[in-house]
């Protein structure tokens, strides 16, 4: 993901790195904390007992997952431990808990998209009105930060809804299966995860296409474009 911004200008790469790093840390930390909180509300105190009901990134961030997220746009955090035996209804509890992470990223993605449209409109106004360069730069970098905040969270949301193990989408979809089939499929989590990443790397490097980034871009544009037009009409 980071090097998709590279066009021969290392300055732009450094700027995007500095802006992307806090964005990804926030996105991953909120995602995992949401899993833990919903699991706790459904009756499982495991995450709380292990100190995972926190937004402290030290508790959630996996170094390799963070690097992968920066470089290729897909990564992971330390999974919040869940004990389904503590749920009154294990399948229902697991399904709701699984959806909590993507739902949190959707919320953050929408917030980021709305704020990016706001700052982009003001950046456009100041740029064409001949304001001083410092003001223009402040609003441009604010727009860029919230663009990255919105798009990374939307990518995480879409990515985690893949309906195969070990992604959150599978926890929801497979909860409708009989227990023996559910846990039979879950045995192959590692192999499936490796296969998914190989497919993603091939698509990104050889076909220059990522289905998850494409969907995230569509969602972002669906929210961003009408809001920018609205803000620009107000400002001009």
Protein backbone atom coordinates (compact mmCIF):
# COMPACT_ATOMS: atom_id res chain seq x y z
CA UNK A 1 0.00 0.00 0.00
CA UNK A 2 2.76 2.42 0.95
CA UNK A 3 4.68 1.97 -2.30
CA UNK A 4 1.53 2.51 -4.35
CA UNK A 5 2.16 6.18 -3.53
CA UNK A 6 5.71 6.00 -4.90
CA UNK A 7 6.22 7.87 -8.14
CA UNK A 8 9.95 8.47 -7.89
CA UNK A 9 9.52 11.04 -5.13
CA UNK A 10 10.86 9.65 -1.84
CA UNK A 11 9.57 12.73 -0.03
CA UNK A 12 5.98 11.69 -0.79
CA UNK A 13 6.72 8.17 0.46
CA UNK A 14 8.08 9.49 3.76
CA UNK A 15 5.08 11.80 4.20
CA UNK A 16 2.64 8.96 3.54
CA UNK A 17 4.56 6.71 5.90
CA UNK A 18 4.34 9.27 8.70
CA UNK A 19 0.61 9.74 8.09
CA UNK A 20 -0.20 6.06 7.52
CA UNK A 21 1.52 4.71 10.63
CA UNK A 22 -0.81 6.31 13.23
CA UNK A 23 -3.82 5.62 11.02
CA UNK A 24 -3.08 1.89 10.84
CA UNK A 25 -2.28 1.66 14.55
CA UNK A 26 -5.62 3.29 15.41
CA UNK A 27 -7.56 1.15 12.92
CA UNK A 28 -6.11 -2.15 14.17
CA UNK A 29 -6.39 -1.23 17.87
CA UNK A 30 -10.03 -0.16 17.60
CA UNK A 31 -10.81 -3.29 15.58
CA UNK A 32 -9.46 -5.67 18.23
CA UNK A 33 -10.83 -3.66 21.16
CA UNK A 34 -14.29 -3.85 19.55
CA UNK A 35 -14.04 -7.65 19.39
CA UNK A 36 -13.09 -7.81 23.06
CA UNK A 37 -15.75 -5.39 24.25
CA UNK A 38 -18.60 -7.11 22.40
CA UNK A 39 -17.41 -10.52 23.60
CA UNK A 40 -17.43 -9.17 27.16
CA UNK A 41 -20.96 -7.81 26.74
CA UNK A 42 -22.02 -11.21 25.41
CA UNK A 43 -20.70 -12.91 28.55
CA UNK A 44 -17.06 -13.76 27.82
CA UNK A 45 -14.61 -11.94 30.17
CA UNK A 46 -11.47 -13.47 28.60
CA UNK A 47 -10.36 -10.32 26.78
CA UNK A 48 -11.05 -8.16 29.84
CA UNK A 49 -9.09 -10.50 32.11
CA UNK A 50 -6.12 -10.36 29.72
CA UNK A 51 -6.17 -6.56 29.52
CA UNK A 52 -7.41 -6.41 25.92
CA UNK A 53 -10.37 -4.10 26.58
CA UNK A 54 -8.15 -1.12 25.88
CA UNK A 55 -7.19 1.14 22.99
CA UNK A 56 -3.54 0.90 24.01
CA UNK A 57 -1.87 -0.23 20.76
CA UNK A 58 0.88 -2.07 22.66
CA UNK A 59 -1.74 -4.62 23.67
CA UNK A 60 -2.98 -5.16 20.12
CA UNK A 61 -0.31 -4.49 17.50
CA UNK A 62 1.59 -7.32 15.85
CA UNK A 63 4.84 -5.98 14.36
CA UNK A 64 4.78 -8.15 11.23
CA UNK A 65 1.09 -7.46 10.65
CA UNK A 66 1.73 -3.72 10.96
CA UNK A 67 4.59 -3.86 8.44
CA UNK A 68 2.46 -5.84 5.98
CA UNK A 69 -0.34 -3.33 6.35
CA UNK A 70 2.05 -0.49 5.55
CA UNK A 71 3.69 -2.19 2.58
CA UNK A 72 0.86 -4.03 0.86
CA UNK A 73 -2.31 -2.68 2.49
CA UNK A 74 -3.25 -5.93 4.24
CA UNK A 75 -2.21 -6.89 7.74
CA UNK A 76 -3.35 -8.04 11.12
CA UNK A 77 -3.15 -7.39 14.85
CA UNK A 78 -2.90 -9.81 17.75
CA UNK A 79 -6.27 -11.63 17.79
CA UNK A 80 -8.36 -11.03 20.89
CA UNK A 81 -8.80 -14.39 22.66
CA UNK A 82 -12.41 -15.51 22.79
CA UNK A 83 -13.82 -18.41 24.81
CA UNK A 84 -17.13 -19.31 23.20
CA UNK A 85 -18.05 -21.55 26.15
CA UNK A 86 -18.72 -18.38 28.15
CA UNK A 87 -21.45 -17.27 25.74
CA UNK A 88 -25.03 -18.15 26.59
CA UNK A 89 -25.44 -18.98 22.90
CA UNK A 90 -21.94 -19.80 21.57
CA UNK A 91 -22.75 -19.51 17.86
CA UNK A 92 -24.71 -16.30 18.24
CA UNK A 93 -22.09 -14.79 20.55
CA UNK A 94 -19.29 -15.69 18.15
CA UNK A 95 -21.15 -14.25 15.17
CA UNK A 96 -21.85 -10.93 16.90
CA UNK A 97 -18.31 -10.71 18.26
CA UNK A 98 -16.85 -11.43 14.82
CA UNK A 99 -18.83 -8.61 13.19
CA UNK A 100 -17.82 -6.09 15.85
CA UNK A 101 -14.35 -5.52 14.36
CA UNK A 102 -15.47 -4.81 10.77
CA UNK A 103 -18.36 -2.71 12.09
CA UNK A 104 -15.89 -0.56 14.03
CA UNK A 105 -13.73 -0.12 10.93
CA UNK A 106 -16.81 0.83 8.91
CA UNK A 107 -17.70 3.50 11.47
CA UNK A 108 -14.14 4.86 11.52
CA UNK A 109 -14.00 4.70 7.72
CA UNK A 110 -17.14 6.78 7.37
CA UNK A 111 -15.86 9.32 9.91
CA UNK A 112 -12.54 9.57 8.06
CA UNK A 113 -14.27 9.98 4.70
CA UNK A 114 -16.57 12.72 5.97
CA UNK A 115 -13.67 14.64 7.53
CA UNK A 116 -11.51 14.22 4.42
CA UNK A 117 -14.27 15.73 2.28
CA UNK A 118 -14.55 18.65 4.71
CA UNK A 119 -10.82 19.42 4.65
CA UNK A 120 -10.56 18.88 0.89
CA UNK A 121 -13.28 21.46 0.30
CA UNK A 122 -11.45 24.01 2.44
CA UNK A 123 -8.12 23.13 0.81
CA UNK A 124 -9.71 23.79 -2.60
CA UNK A 125 -11.16 27.09 -1.41
CA UNK A 126 -7.85 28.35 0.01
CA UNK A 127 -5.90 27.10 -3.00
CA UNK A 128 -8.01 28.97 -5.54
CA UNK A 129 -8.43 32.06 -3.36
CA UNK A 130 -4.66 32.57 -3.23
CA UNK A 131 -4.23 32.03 0.50
CA UNK A 132 -0.78 31.72 2.02
CA UNK A 133 1.06 28.46 1.38
CA UNK A 134 1.13 27.45 5.05
CA UNK A 135 -2.68 27.48 5.29
CA UNK A 136 -2.99 25.56 2.03
CA UNK A 137 -0.52 22.93 3.23
CA UNK A 138 -2.24 22.51 6.60
CA UNK A 139 -5.59 21.77 5.00
CA UNK A 140 -4.03 19.55 2.33
CA UNK A 141 -2.25 17.38 4.89
CA UNK A 142 -5.38 17.26 7.05
CA UNK A 143 -7.28 16.04 3.99
CA UNK A 144 -4.58 13.46 3.20
CA UNK A 145 -4.52 12.16 6.79
CA UNK A 146 -8.27 11.65 6.90
CA UNK A 147 -8.28 10.19 3.39
CA UNK A 148 -5.83 7.55 4.58
CA UNK A 149 -7.83 7.13 7.79
CA UNK A 150 -10.99 6.51 5.81
CA UNK A 151 -9.52 4.25 3.12
CA UNK A 152 -7.44 2.07 5.46
CA UNK A 153 -10.42 1.45 7.73
CA UNK A 154 -12.65 0.62 4.78
CA UNK A 155 -10.05 -1.78 3.39
CA UNK A 156 -9.78 -3.47 6.80
CA UNK A 157 -13.56 -3.74 6.97
CA UNK A 158 -13.87 -5.33 3.53
CA UNK A 159 -10.80 -7.54 4.02
CA UNK A 160 -12.05 -8.94 7.32
CA UNK A 161 -15.44 -9.78 5.86
CA UNK A 162 -13.91 -12.48 3.63
CA UNK A 163 -16.14 -15.51 4.37
CA UNK A 164 -13.25 -17.97 4.83
CA UNK A 165 -11.24 -18.80 7.99
CA UNK A 166 -9.65 -17.12 9.85
CA UNK A 167 -11.32 -13.85 8.81
CA UNK A 168 -14.20 -12.33 10.74
CA UNK A 169 -16.64 -12.96 7.90
CA UNK A 170 -16.09 -16.68 8.28
CA UNK A 171 -16.84 -16.57 12.02
CA UNK A 172 -20.21 -15.11 11.15
CA UNK A 173 -21.03 -17.27 8.12
CA UNK A 174 -19.79 -20.55 9.60
CA UNK A 175 -21.78 -20.00 12.78
CA UNK A 176 -24.79 -21.18 10.78
CA UNK A 177 -23.16 -24.56 10.14
CA UNK A 178 -23.35 -27.62 12.40
CA UNK A 179 -20.62 -27.63 15.05
CA UNK A 180 -18.66 -30.55 13.57
CA UNK A 181 -18.45 -28.93 10.13
CA UNK A 182 -17.65 -25.53 11.66
CA UNK A 183 -14.67 -26.77 13.65
CA UNK A 184 -13.64 -29.08 10.81
CA UNK A 185 -13.19 -26.10 8.51
CA UNK A 186 -11.49 -24.03 11.21
CA UNK A 187 -8.71 -26.63 11.41
CA UNK A 188 -7.36 -25.33 8.10
CA UNK A 189 -7.14 -21.65 9.11
CA UNK A 190 -3.39 -21.32 8.54
CA UNK A 191 -3.43 -22.93 5.10
CA UNK A 192 -6.40 -20.84 3.98
CA UNK A 193 -4.78 -17.64 5.28
CA UNK A 194 -1.57 -18.39 3.38
CA UNK A 195 -3.56 -19.09 0.22
CA UNK A 196 -5.48 -15.80 0.51
CA UNK A 197 -2.28 -13.79 0.90
CA UNK A 198 -0.68 -15.51 -2.10
CA UNK A 199 -3.73 -14.67 -4.22
CA UNK A 200 -3.64 -11.05 -3.02
CA UNK A 201 0.07 -10.68 -3.77
CA UNK A 202 -0.36 -12.16 -7.25
CA UNK A 203 -3.33 -9.88 -8.02
CA UNK A 204 -1.54 -6.79 -6.71
CA UNK A 205 1.83 -7.41 -8.37
CA UNK A 206 0.90 -9.05 -11.67
CA UNK A 207 -2.54 -7.60 -12.37
CA UNK A 208 -2.23 -4.35 -10.39
CA UNK A 209 -5.66 -4.98 -8.94
CA UNK A 210 -6.96 -5.56 -5.43
CA UNK A 211 -10.65 -6.42 -5.11
CA UNK A 212 -10.74 -5.16 -1.51
CA UNK A 213 -9.10 -1.83 -2.31
CA UNK A 214 -11.48 -1.50 -5.27
CA UNK A 215 -14.54 -2.01 -3.05
CA UNK A 216 -13.10 0.35 -0.40
CA UNK A 217 -12.48 3.02 -3.06
CA UNK A 218 -16.06 2.68 -4.29
CA UNK A 219 -17.45 3.10 -0.76
CA UNK A 220 -15.13 6.05 -0.14
CA UNK A 221 -16.13 7.76 -3.39
CA UNK A 222 -19.83 7.15 -2.75
CA UNK A 223 -19.58 9.18 0.48
CA UNK A 224 -16.82 11.61 -0.47
CA UNK A 225 -18.01 13.03 -3.78
CA UNK A 226 -21.47 14.31 -2.78
CA UNK A 227 -20.12 15.73 0.48
CA UNK A 228 -17.32 17.60 -1.29
CA UNK A 229 -19.82 19.07 -3.72
CA UNK A 230 -22.05 20.08 -0.81
CA UNK A 231 -19.21 21.75 1.09
CA UNK A 232 -17.91 23.48 -2.04
CA UNK A 233 -21.38 24.87 -2.81
CA UNK A 234 -21.53 26.24 0.74
CA UNK A 235 -18.03 27.75 0.60
CA UNK A 236 -18.35 29.24 -2.89
